[in-house]
Amino acid sequence: MIANMDRVIGEQLESHHAVGPELVRPVEVTPYPRLSVGALMTRGVVAVSGSAPVSDTTHLMRSRGITSVVVEPDSSGTWGIMTMRDVLKKIVLEERDLAGVTVEAIATRPLITVSPDLTLKECANLMLEQNIRRVVVAQDGEPIGIISETDIFRFVEESR
């Protein structure tokens, strides 16, 4: 029975080889002021290649309980993002088959980023103006975290 489990688990790992644990960014540990984006951001960004299959990437997202992945820079050096909303809009609504679809085909570029020192008020304003649910936090051009409207909402509720 254990040998059979190893075989099944091994097959599952092999089928999702394009996106692996080595793509997780190191956790950022710098302290930031209480009312800043850096203080609330999720520290740790999952980044995938634009050439990764969407099917493997959605599996990775579900297994990690995340709603988006950062997409590594394209040939022009521009970062991107693939969210659950991108999958809904560009796969489900367009009735596309996942076979052969890469992250690059549905990723949103350019990536909207903010500094970890940005205030929550400024971040909320940006999210509302751009009609987006999350923003990647970057420092020196590298993603170091992500903050969502859910993070800000939770902060407001917990601050009462």
N, C-alpha and C. Protein backbone atom coordinates (compact mmCIF):
# COMPACT_ATOMS: atom_id res chain seq x y z
N MET A 1 0.82 -1.19 0.00
CA MET A 1 0.00 0.00 0.00
C MET A 1 0.88 1.27 0.00
N ILE A 2 1.94 1.27 0.82
CA ILE A 2 2.84 2.42 0.87
C ILE A 2 3.55 2.59 -0.46
N ALA A 3 3.98 1.50 -1.06
CA ALA A 3 4.64 1.58 -2.37
C ALA A 3 3.70 2.17 -3.41
N ASN A 4 2.42 1.79 -3.34
CA ASN A 4 1.43 2.32 -4.27
C ASN A 4 1.22 3.81 -4.03
N MET A 5 1.21 4.26 -2.76
CA MET A 5 1.07 5.68 -2.45
C MET A 5 2.26 6.46 -3.00
N ASP A 6 3.47 5.91 -2.83
CA ASP A 6 4.66 6.58 -3.36
C ASP A 6 4.56 6.72 -4.87
N ARG A 7 4.04 5.69 -5.53
CA ARG A 7 3.90 5.74 -6.98
C ARG A 7 2.90 6.84 -7.37
N VAL A 8 1.74 6.89 -6.70
CA VAL A 8 0.71 7.88 -7.02
C VAL A 8 1.22 9.29 -6.72
N ILE A 9 1.84 9.48 -5.55
CA ILE A 9 2.38 10.80 -5.20
C ILE A 9 3.47 11.20 -6.18
N GLY A 10 4.32 10.27 -6.54
CA GLY A 10 5.38 10.55 -7.51
C GLY A 10 4.82 10.96 -8.86
N GLU A 11 3.73 10.30 -9.28
CA GLU A 11 3.09 10.67 -10.55
C GLU A 11 2.52 12.07 -10.47
N GLN A 12 1.90 12.42 -9.32
CA GLN A 12 1.33 13.75 -9.16
C GLN A 12 2.42 14.81 -9.19
N LEU A 13 3.54 14.54 -8.54
CA LEU A 13 4.63 15.51 -8.54
C LEU A 13 5.21 15.67 -9.94
N GLU A 14 5.32 14.57 -10.67
CA GLU A 14 5.86 14.65 -12.02
C GLU A 14 4.94 15.43 -12.95
N SER A 15 3.61 15.31 -12.75
CA SER A 15 2.68 15.98 -13.65
C SER A 15 2.65 17.48 -13.44
N HIS A 16 3.20 17.95 -12.34
CA HIS A 16 3.20 19.38 -12.05
C HIS A 16 4.64 19.88 -11.87
N HIS A 17 5.48 19.51 -12.80
CA HIS A 17 6.91 19.80 -12.69
C HIS A 17 7.30 21.21 -13.12
N ALA A 18 6.46 21.89 -13.88
CA ALA A 18 6.85 23.20 -14.42
C ALA A 18 6.90 24.29 -13.36
N VAL A 19 6.17 24.10 -12.27
CA VAL A 19 6.12 25.10 -11.21
C VAL A 19 6.50 24.38 -9.92
N GLY A 20 7.59 24.77 -9.30
CA GLY A 20 8.06 24.05 -8.13
C GLY A 20 8.37 24.95 -6.96
N PRO A 21 8.70 24.35 -5.84
CA PRO A 21 8.96 25.11 -4.62
C PRO A 21 10.16 26.04 -4.71
N GLU A 22 11.06 25.80 -5.64
CA GLU A 22 12.22 26.67 -5.78
C GLU A 22 11.84 28.06 -6.30
N LEU A 23 10.61 28.25 -6.71
CA LEU A 23 10.17 29.54 -7.23
C LEU A 23 9.64 30.47 -6.14
N VAL A 24 9.58 30.00 -4.91
CA VAL A 24 9.10 30.84 -3.82
C VAL A 24 10.22 31.79 -3.42
N ARG A 25 9.90 33.05 -3.34
CA ARG A 25 10.88 34.06 -2.97
C ARG A 25 11.19 33.97 -1.47
N PRO A 26 12.38 34.36 -1.05
CA PRO A 26 12.70 34.37 0.38
C PRO A 26 11.79 35.35 1.12
N VAL A 27 11.52 35.04 2.36
CA VAL A 27 10.67 35.90 3.17
C VAL A 27 11.42 37.19 3.50
N GLU A 28 10.74 38.31 3.31
CA GLU A 28 11.29 39.64 3.56
C GLU A 28 11.02 39.96 5.04
N VAL A 29 12.02 40.42 5.79
CA VAL A 29 11.86 40.58 7.24
C VAL A 29 12.03 41.99 7.77
N THR A 30 12.19 42.98 6.94
CA THR A 30 12.37 44.35 7.39
C THR A 30 11.10 44.84 8.10
N PRO A 31 11.23 45.49 9.27
CA PRO A 31 10.04 46.05 9.93
C PRO A 31 9.62 47.36 9.26
N TYR A 32 8.31 47.61 9.21
CA TYR A 32 7.77 48.83 8.60
C TYR A 32 6.79 49.48 9.57
N PRO A 33 6.53 50.79 9.39
CA PRO A 33 5.57 51.48 10.26
C PRO A 33 4.19 50.81 10.22
N ARG A 34 3.47 50.91 11.32
CA ARG A 34 2.19 50.21 11.50
C ARG A 34 1.17 50.49 10.40
N LEU A 35 1.04 51.68 9.94
CA LEU A 35 0.02 52.02 8.94
C LEU A 35 0.58 52.04 7.52
N SER A 36 1.59 51.23 7.28
CA SER A 36 2.18 51.16 5.94
C SER A 36 1.85 49.82 5.28
N VAL A 37 2.00 49.81 3.98
CA VAL A 37 1.79 48.60 3.20
C VAL A 37 2.74 47.49 3.68
N GLY A 38 3.99 47.85 3.94
CA GLY A 38 4.97 46.86 4.36
C GLY A 38 4.59 46.13 5.63
N ALA A 39 3.90 46.82 6.54
CA ALA A 39 3.50 46.21 7.80
C ALA A 39 2.43 45.14 7.61
N LEU A 40 1.59 45.28 6.58
CA LEU A 40 0.48 44.34 6.38
C LEU A 40 0.69 43.33 5.26
N MET A 41 1.66 43.58 4.41
CA MET A 41 1.82 42.71 3.23
C MET A 41 2.09 41.27 3.63
N THR A 42 1.68 40.38 2.77
CA THR A 42 2.07 38.98 2.90
C THR A 42 3.49 38.90 2.40
N ARG A 43 4.37 38.48 3.28
CA ARG A 43 5.81 38.46 2.96
C ARG A 43 6.16 37.12 2.36
N GLY A 44 6.36 37.14 1.12
CA GLY A 44 6.66 35.91 0.38
C GLY A 44 5.83 35.93 -0.88
N VAL A 45 6.49 35.89 -1.98
CA VAL A 45 5.82 35.99 -3.26
C VAL A 45 6.09 34.70 -4.02
N VAL A 46 5.06 34.13 -4.60
CA VAL A 46 5.24 32.98 -5.46
C VAL A 46 5.35 33.51 -6.88
N ALA A 47 6.49 33.25 -7.50
CA ALA A 47 6.74 33.71 -8.86
C ALA A 47 6.86 32.51 -9.79
N VAL A 48 6.28 32.64 -10.96
CA VAL A 48 6.36 31.58 -11.96
C VAL A 48 6.83 32.17 -13.28
N SER A 49 7.33 31.31 -14.11
CA SER A 49 7.74 31.71 -15.45
C SER A 49 6.51 31.90 -16.33
N GLY A 50 6.60 32.80 -17.27
CA GLY A 50 5.51 32.98 -18.23
C GLY A 50 5.28 31.74 -19.07
N SER A 51 6.29 30.89 -19.19
CA SER A 51 6.15 29.67 -19.98
C SER A 51 5.51 28.51 -19.21
N ALA A 52 5.24 28.71 -17.92
CA ALA A 52 4.61 27.66 -17.12
C ALA A 52 3.19 27.41 -17.62
N PRO A 53 2.76 26.16 -17.66
CA PRO A 53 1.39 25.87 -18.06
C PRO A 53 0.39 26.43 -17.03
N VAL A 54 -0.70 26.98 -17.52
CA VAL A 54 -1.74 27.50 -16.62
C VAL A 54 -2.28 26.37 -15.74
N SER A 55 -2.41 25.17 -16.30
CA SER A 55 -2.94 24.05 -15.51
C SER A 55 -2.06 23.74 -14.30
N ASP A 56 -0.75 23.76 -14.48
CA ASP A 56 0.16 23.51 -13.36
C ASP A 56 0.13 24.67 -12.37
N THR A 57 0.02 25.87 -12.89
CA THR A 57 0.03 27.04 -12.02
C THR A 57 -1.24 27.13 -11.19
N THR A 58 -2.38 26.81 -11.77
CA THR A 58 -3.62 26.82 -10.98
C THR A 58 -3.57 25.73 -9.91
N HIS A 59 -2.96 24.60 -10.23
CA HIS A 59 -2.79 23.55 -9.22
C HIS A 59 -1.91 24.06 -8.07
N LEU A 60 -0.83 24.72 -8.41
CA LEU A 60 0.06 25.29 -7.39
C LEU A 60 -0.71 26.29 -6.52
N MET A 61 -1.48 27.16 -7.15
CA MET A 61 -2.24 28.17 -6.40
C MET A 61 -3.22 27.51 -5.43
N ARG A 62 -3.95 26.53 -5.89
CA ARG A 62 -4.91 25.84 -5.01
C ARG A 62 -4.20 25.13 -3.87
N SER A 63 -3.09 24.46 -4.17
CA SER A 63 -2.40 23.69 -3.13
C SER A 63 -1.80 24.60 -2.07
N ARG A 64 -1.48 25.84 -2.43
CA ARG A 64 -0.91 26.79 -1.46
C ARG A 64 -1.95 27.74 -0.88
N GLY A 65 -3.17 27.67 -1.37
CA GLY A 65 -4.22 28.54 -0.87
C GLY A 65 -4.00 30.00 -1.22
N ILE A 66 -3.46 30.25 -2.42
CA ILE A 66 -3.19 31.63 -2.85
C ILE A 66 -4.07 31.98 -4.05
N THR A 67 -4.30 33.26 -4.24
CA THR A 67 -5.20 33.70 -5.30
C THR A 67 -4.48 34.36 -6.47
N SER A 68 -3.16 34.45 -6.39
CA SER A 68 -2.40 35.05 -7.49
C SER A 68 -0.95 34.60 -7.42
N VAL A 69 -0.29 34.71 -8.57
CA VAL A 69 1.15 34.47 -8.64
C VAL A 69 1.77 35.61 -9.44
N VAL A 70 2.96 35.98 -9.07
CA VAL A 70 3.71 36.98 -9.82
C VAL A 70 4.36 36.25 -10.99
N VAL A 71 4.35 36.91 -12.15
CA VAL A 71 4.93 36.31 -13.34
C VAL A 71 6.27 36.98 -13.61
N GLU A 72 7.30 36.15 -13.73
CA GLU A 72 8.66 36.64 -13.90
C GLU A 72 8.76 37.56 -15.12
N PRO A 73 9.75 38.43 -15.13
CA PRO A 73 9.87 39.39 -16.23
C PRO A 73 9.91 38.74 -17.61
N ASP A 74 9.25 39.42 -18.55
CA ASP A 74 9.29 38.97 -19.94
C ASP A 74 10.56 39.48 -20.60
N SER A 75 10.67 39.35 -21.89
CA SER A 75 11.91 39.75 -22.59
C SER A 75 12.21 41.24 -22.46
N SER A 76 11.18 42.05 -22.17
CA SER A 76 11.41 43.49 -21.99
C SER A 76 11.71 43.84 -20.54
N GLY A 77 11.71 42.82 -19.65
CA GLY A 77 12.00 43.06 -18.24
C GLY A 77 10.79 43.45 -17.42
N THR A 78 9.59 43.30 -17.98
CA THR A 78 8.35 43.69 -17.31
C THR A 78 7.76 42.53 -16.53
N TRP A 79 7.55 42.74 -15.22
CA TRP A 79 6.90 41.75 -14.36
C TRP A 79 5.41 41.72 -14.67
N GLY A 80 4.76 40.63 -14.31
CA GLY A 80 3.31 40.50 -14.50
C GLY A 80 2.68 39.80 -13.32
N ILE A 81 1.39 39.55 -13.43
CA ILE A 81 0.65 38.83 -12.39
C ILE A 81 -0.43 38.00 -13.05
N MET A 82 -0.69 36.83 -12.50
CA MET A 82 -1.81 36.01 -12.91
C MET A 82 -2.67 35.77 -11.68
N THR A 83 -3.92 36.15 -11.77
CA THR A 83 -4.84 36.02 -10.65
C THR A 83 -5.96 35.05 -11.00
N MET A 84 -6.76 34.72 -10.00
CA MET A 84 -7.94 33.90 -10.26
C MET A 84 -8.86 34.63 -11.24
N ARG A 85 -8.93 35.94 -11.12
CA ARG A 85 -9.79 36.72 -12.03
C ARG A 85 -9.31 36.59 -13.48
N ASP A 86 -7.98 36.54 -13.70
CA ASP A 86 -7.47 36.33 -15.05
C ASP A 86 -7.94 34.99 -15.62
N VAL A 87 -7.95 33.97 -14.77
CA VAL A 87 -8.42 32.65 -15.20
C VAL A 87 -9.91 32.72 -15.55
N LEU A 88 -10.69 33.40 -14.72
CA LEU A 88 -12.12 33.53 -15.01
C LEU A 88 -12.36 34.27 -16.33
N LYS A 89 -11.66 35.40 -16.50
CA LYS A 89 -11.87 36.22 -17.70
C LYS A 89 -11.32 35.59 -18.96
N LYS A 90 -10.12 35.04 -18.89
CA LYS A 90 -9.42 34.65 -20.10
C LYS A 90 -9.46 33.15 -20.41
N ILE A 91 -9.98 32.37 -19.48
CA ILE A 91 -10.14 30.94 -19.74
C ILE A 91 -11.63 30.60 -19.73
N VAL A 92 -12.30 30.86 -18.63
CA VAL A 92 -13.70 30.46 -18.49
C VAL A 92 -14.60 31.26 -19.43
N LEU A 93 -14.56 32.59 -19.36
CA LEU A 93 -15.44 33.40 -20.21
C LEU A 93 -15.17 33.22 -21.70
N GLU A 94 -13.91 33.02 -22.05
CA GLU A 94 -13.55 32.82 -23.45
C GLU A 94 -13.67 31.35 -23.88
N GLU A 95 -14.08 30.50 -22.94
CA GLU A 95 -14.27 29.06 -23.18
C GLU A 95 -13.03 28.43 -23.81
N ARG A 96 -11.86 28.78 -23.27
CA ARG A 96 -10.60 28.23 -23.76
C ARG A 96 -10.30 26.91 -23.07
N ASP A 97 -9.71 26.02 -23.80
CA ASP A 97 -9.23 24.77 -23.24
C ASP A 97 -7.87 25.05 -22.61
N LEU A 98 -7.62 24.50 -21.43
CA LEU A 98 -6.35 24.74 -20.74
C LEU A 98 -5.14 24.11 -21.44
N ALA A 99 -5.39 23.10 -22.24
CA ALA A 99 -4.28 22.38 -22.88
C ALA A 99 -3.40 23.34 -23.68
N GLY A 100 -2.15 23.41 -23.28
CA GLY A 100 -1.17 24.21 -24.00
C GLY A 100 -1.17 25.70 -23.67
N VAL A 101 -2.09 26.16 -22.82
CA VAL A 101 -2.13 27.59 -22.48
C VAL A 101 -1.07 27.87 -21.41
N THR A 102 -0.25 28.87 -21.67
CA THR A 102 0.79 29.24 -20.72
C THR A 102 0.33 30.44 -19.88
N VAL A 103 1.00 30.64 -18.78
CA VAL A 103 0.73 31.77 -17.91
C VAL A 103 0.86 33.08 -18.69
N GLU A 104 1.85 33.17 -19.54
CA GLU A 104 2.07 34.39 -20.32
C GLU A 104 0.84 34.78 -21.13
N ALA A 105 0.11 33.80 -21.62
CA ALA A 105 -1.06 34.06 -22.46
C ALA A 105 -2.19 34.75 -21.71
N ILE A 106 -2.23 34.62 -20.38
CA ILE A 106 -3.33 35.24 -19.64
C ILE A 106 -2.87 36.21 -18.55
N ALA A 107 -1.57 36.34 -18.38
CA ALA A 107 -1.04 37.23 -17.34
C ALA A 107 -1.36 38.68 -17.66
N THR A 108 -1.45 39.48 -16.62
CA THR A 108 -1.65 40.92 -16.76
C THR A 108 -0.29 41.59 -16.60
N ARG A 109 0.06 42.39 -17.60
CA ARG A 109 1.30 43.16 -17.58
C ARG A 109 0.96 44.58 -17.99
N PRO A 110 1.63 45.58 -17.50
CA PRO A 110 2.70 45.51 -16.50
C PRO A 110 2.11 45.33 -15.11
N LEU A 111 2.93 44.86 -14.23
CA LEU A 111 2.57 44.66 -12.84
C LEU A 111 2.51 46.01 -12.13
N ILE A 112 1.42 46.27 -11.44
CA ILE A 112 1.32 47.50 -10.65
C ILE A 112 1.96 47.21 -9.30
N THR A 113 2.97 48.00 -8.96
CA THR A 113 3.67 47.78 -7.69
C THR A 113 3.67 49.05 -6.86
N VAL A 114 3.88 48.85 -5.56
CA VAL A 114 4.00 49.96 -4.64
C VAL A 114 5.19 49.72 -3.74
N SER A 115 5.63 50.78 -3.10
CA SER A 115 6.72 50.70 -2.14
C SER A 115 6.16 50.20 -0.80
N PRO A 116 6.96 49.49 -0.02
CA PRO A 116 6.49 49.04 1.29
C PRO A 116 6.23 50.21 2.25
N ASP A 117 6.77 51.39 1.95
CA ASP A 117 6.55 52.56 2.80
C ASP A 117 5.26 53.30 2.49
N LEU A 118 4.55 52.92 1.44
CA LEU A 118 3.30 53.57 1.08
C LEU A 118 2.29 53.43 2.22
N THR A 119 1.51 54.46 2.49
CA THR A 119 0.51 54.37 3.56
C THR A 119 -0.67 53.52 3.09
N LEU A 120 -1.40 52.98 4.05
CA LEU A 120 -2.58 52.19 3.72
C LEU A 120 -3.61 53.02 2.98
N LYS A 121 -3.75 54.29 3.37
CA LYS A 121 -4.70 55.18 2.69
C LYS A 121 -4.31 55.34 1.22
N GLU A 122 -3.04 55.58 0.95
CA GLU A 122 -2.58 55.73 -0.44
C GLU A 122 -2.77 54.43 -1.23
N CYS A 123 -2.52 53.31 -0.58
CA CYS A 123 -2.68 52.02 -1.23
C CYS A 123 -4.16 51.76 -1.56
N ALA A 124 -5.03 52.03 -0.59
CA ALA A 124 -6.47 51.85 -0.81
C ALA A 124 -6.95 52.73 -1.96
N ASN A 125 -6.45 53.96 -2.01
CA ASN A 125 -6.82 54.87 -3.08
C ASN A 125 -6.38 54.32 -4.44
N LEU A 126 -5.16 53.81 -4.52
CA LEU A 126 -4.66 53.23 -5.77
C LEU A 126 -5.51 52.03 -6.20
N MET A 127 -5.84 51.16 -5.25
CA MET A 127 -6.64 49.98 -5.57
C MET A 127 -8.00 50.39 -6.12
N LEU A 128 -8.60 51.38 -5.51
CA LEU A 128 -9.91 51.83 -5.97
C LEU A 128 -9.82 52.50 -7.35
N GLU A 129 -8.82 53.35 -7.53
CA GLU A 129 -8.64 54.03 -8.82
C GLU A 129 -8.38 53.03 -9.96
N GLN A 130 -7.59 52.00 -9.68
CA GLN A 130 -7.21 51.03 -10.71
C GLN A 130 -8.18 49.85 -10.80
N ASN A 131 -9.15 49.80 -9.88
CA ASN A 131 -10.12 48.70 -9.82
C ASN A 131 -9.41 47.34 -9.73
N ILE A 132 -8.48 47.25 -8.76
CA ILE A 132 -7.74 46.02 -8.54
C ILE A 132 -7.89 45.59 -7.08
N ARG A 133 -7.72 44.31 -6.83
CA ARG A 133 -7.93 43.74 -5.49
C ARG A 133 -6.65 43.52 -4.71
N ARG A 134 -5.52 43.58 -5.40
CA ARG A 134 -4.24 43.35 -4.73
C ARG A 134 -3.16 44.13 -5.45
N VAL A 135 -2.09 44.42 -4.71
CA VAL A 135 -0.96 45.13 -5.27
C VAL A 135 0.30 44.42 -4.80
N VAL A 136 1.24 44.28 -5.71
CA VAL A 136 2.52 43.68 -5.35
C VAL A 136 3.40 44.77 -4.76
N VAL A 137 4.06 44.43 -3.68
CA VAL A 137 4.98 45.34 -3.00
C VAL A 137 6.37 45.03 -3.52
N ALA A 138 7.06 46.06 -4.00
CA ALA A 138 8.38 45.85 -4.60
C ALA A 138 9.41 46.78 -3.97
N GLN A 139 10.62 46.30 -3.93
CA GLN A 139 11.74 47.10 -3.46
C GLN A 139 12.91 46.84 -4.41
N ASP A 140 13.50 47.90 -4.90
CA ASP A 140 14.60 47.80 -5.87
C ASP A 140 14.20 46.96 -7.09
N GLY A 141 12.94 47.11 -7.52
CA GLY A 141 12.46 46.42 -8.71
C GLY A 141 12.12 44.96 -8.52
N GLU A 142 12.24 44.44 -7.30
CA GLU A 142 11.96 43.03 -7.02
C GLU A 142 10.74 42.90 -6.12
N PRO A 143 9.79 42.03 -6.47
CA PRO A 143 8.64 41.80 -5.59
C PRO A 143 9.08 41.20 -4.26
N ILE A 144 8.58 41.79 -3.16
CA ILE A 144 8.92 41.28 -1.83
C ILE A 144 7.68 40.89 -1.04
N GLY A 145 6.52 41.24 -1.55
CA GLY A 145 5.29 40.91 -0.85
C GLY A 145 4.08 41.27 -1.68
N ILE A 146 2.92 41.05 -1.10
CA ILE A 146 1.68 41.39 -1.77
C ILE A 146 0.67 41.81 -0.71
N ILE A 147 -0.14 42.80 -1.03
CA ILE A 147 -1.18 43.26 -0.12
C ILE A 147 -2.49 43.27 -0.88
N SER A 148 -3.54 42.79 -0.23
CA SER A 148 -4.85 42.72 -0.88
C SER A 148 -5.85 43.55 -0.11
N GLU A 149 -6.99 43.79 -0.74
CA GLU A 149 -8.06 44.50 -0.06
C GLU A 149 -8.51 43.72 1.17
N THR A 150 -8.41 42.41 1.13
CA THR A 150 -8.75 41.58 2.29
C THR A 150 -7.81 41.85 3.46
N ASP A 151 -6.53 42.03 3.18
CA ASP A 151 -5.56 42.35 4.23
C ASP A 151 -5.90 43.67 4.91
N ILE A 152 -6.24 44.66 4.10
CA ILE A 152 -6.57 45.98 4.66
C ILE A 152 -7.88 45.91 5.43
N PHE A 153 -8.86 45.21 4.89
CA PHE A 153 -10.14 45.04 5.57
C PHE A 153 -9.94 44.37 6.93
N ARG A 154 -9.15 43.30 6.96
CA ARG A 154 -8.87 42.58 8.21
C ARG A 154 -8.21 43.51 9.22
N PHE A 155 -7.26 44.34 8.77
CA PHE A 155 -6.59 45.30 9.64
C PHE A 155 -7.60 46.26 10.26
N VAL A 156 -8.51 46.78 9.46
CA VAL A 156 -9.52 47.71 9.96
C VAL A 156 -10.39 47.03 11.01
N GLU A 157 -10.81 45.81 10.73
CA GLU A 157 -11.68 45.08 11.67
C GLU A 157 -10.95 44.78 12.97
N GLU A 158 -9.69 44.40 12.88
CA GLU A 158 -8.92 44.04 14.07
C GLU A 158 -8.48 45.27 14.88
N SER A 159 -8.51 46.44 14.25
CA SER A 159 -8.07 47.67 14.92
C SER A 159 -9.14 48.30 15.81
N ARG A 160 -10.33 47.83 15.76
CA ARG A 160 -11.41 48.47 16.52
C ARG A 160 -11.29 48.26 17.98
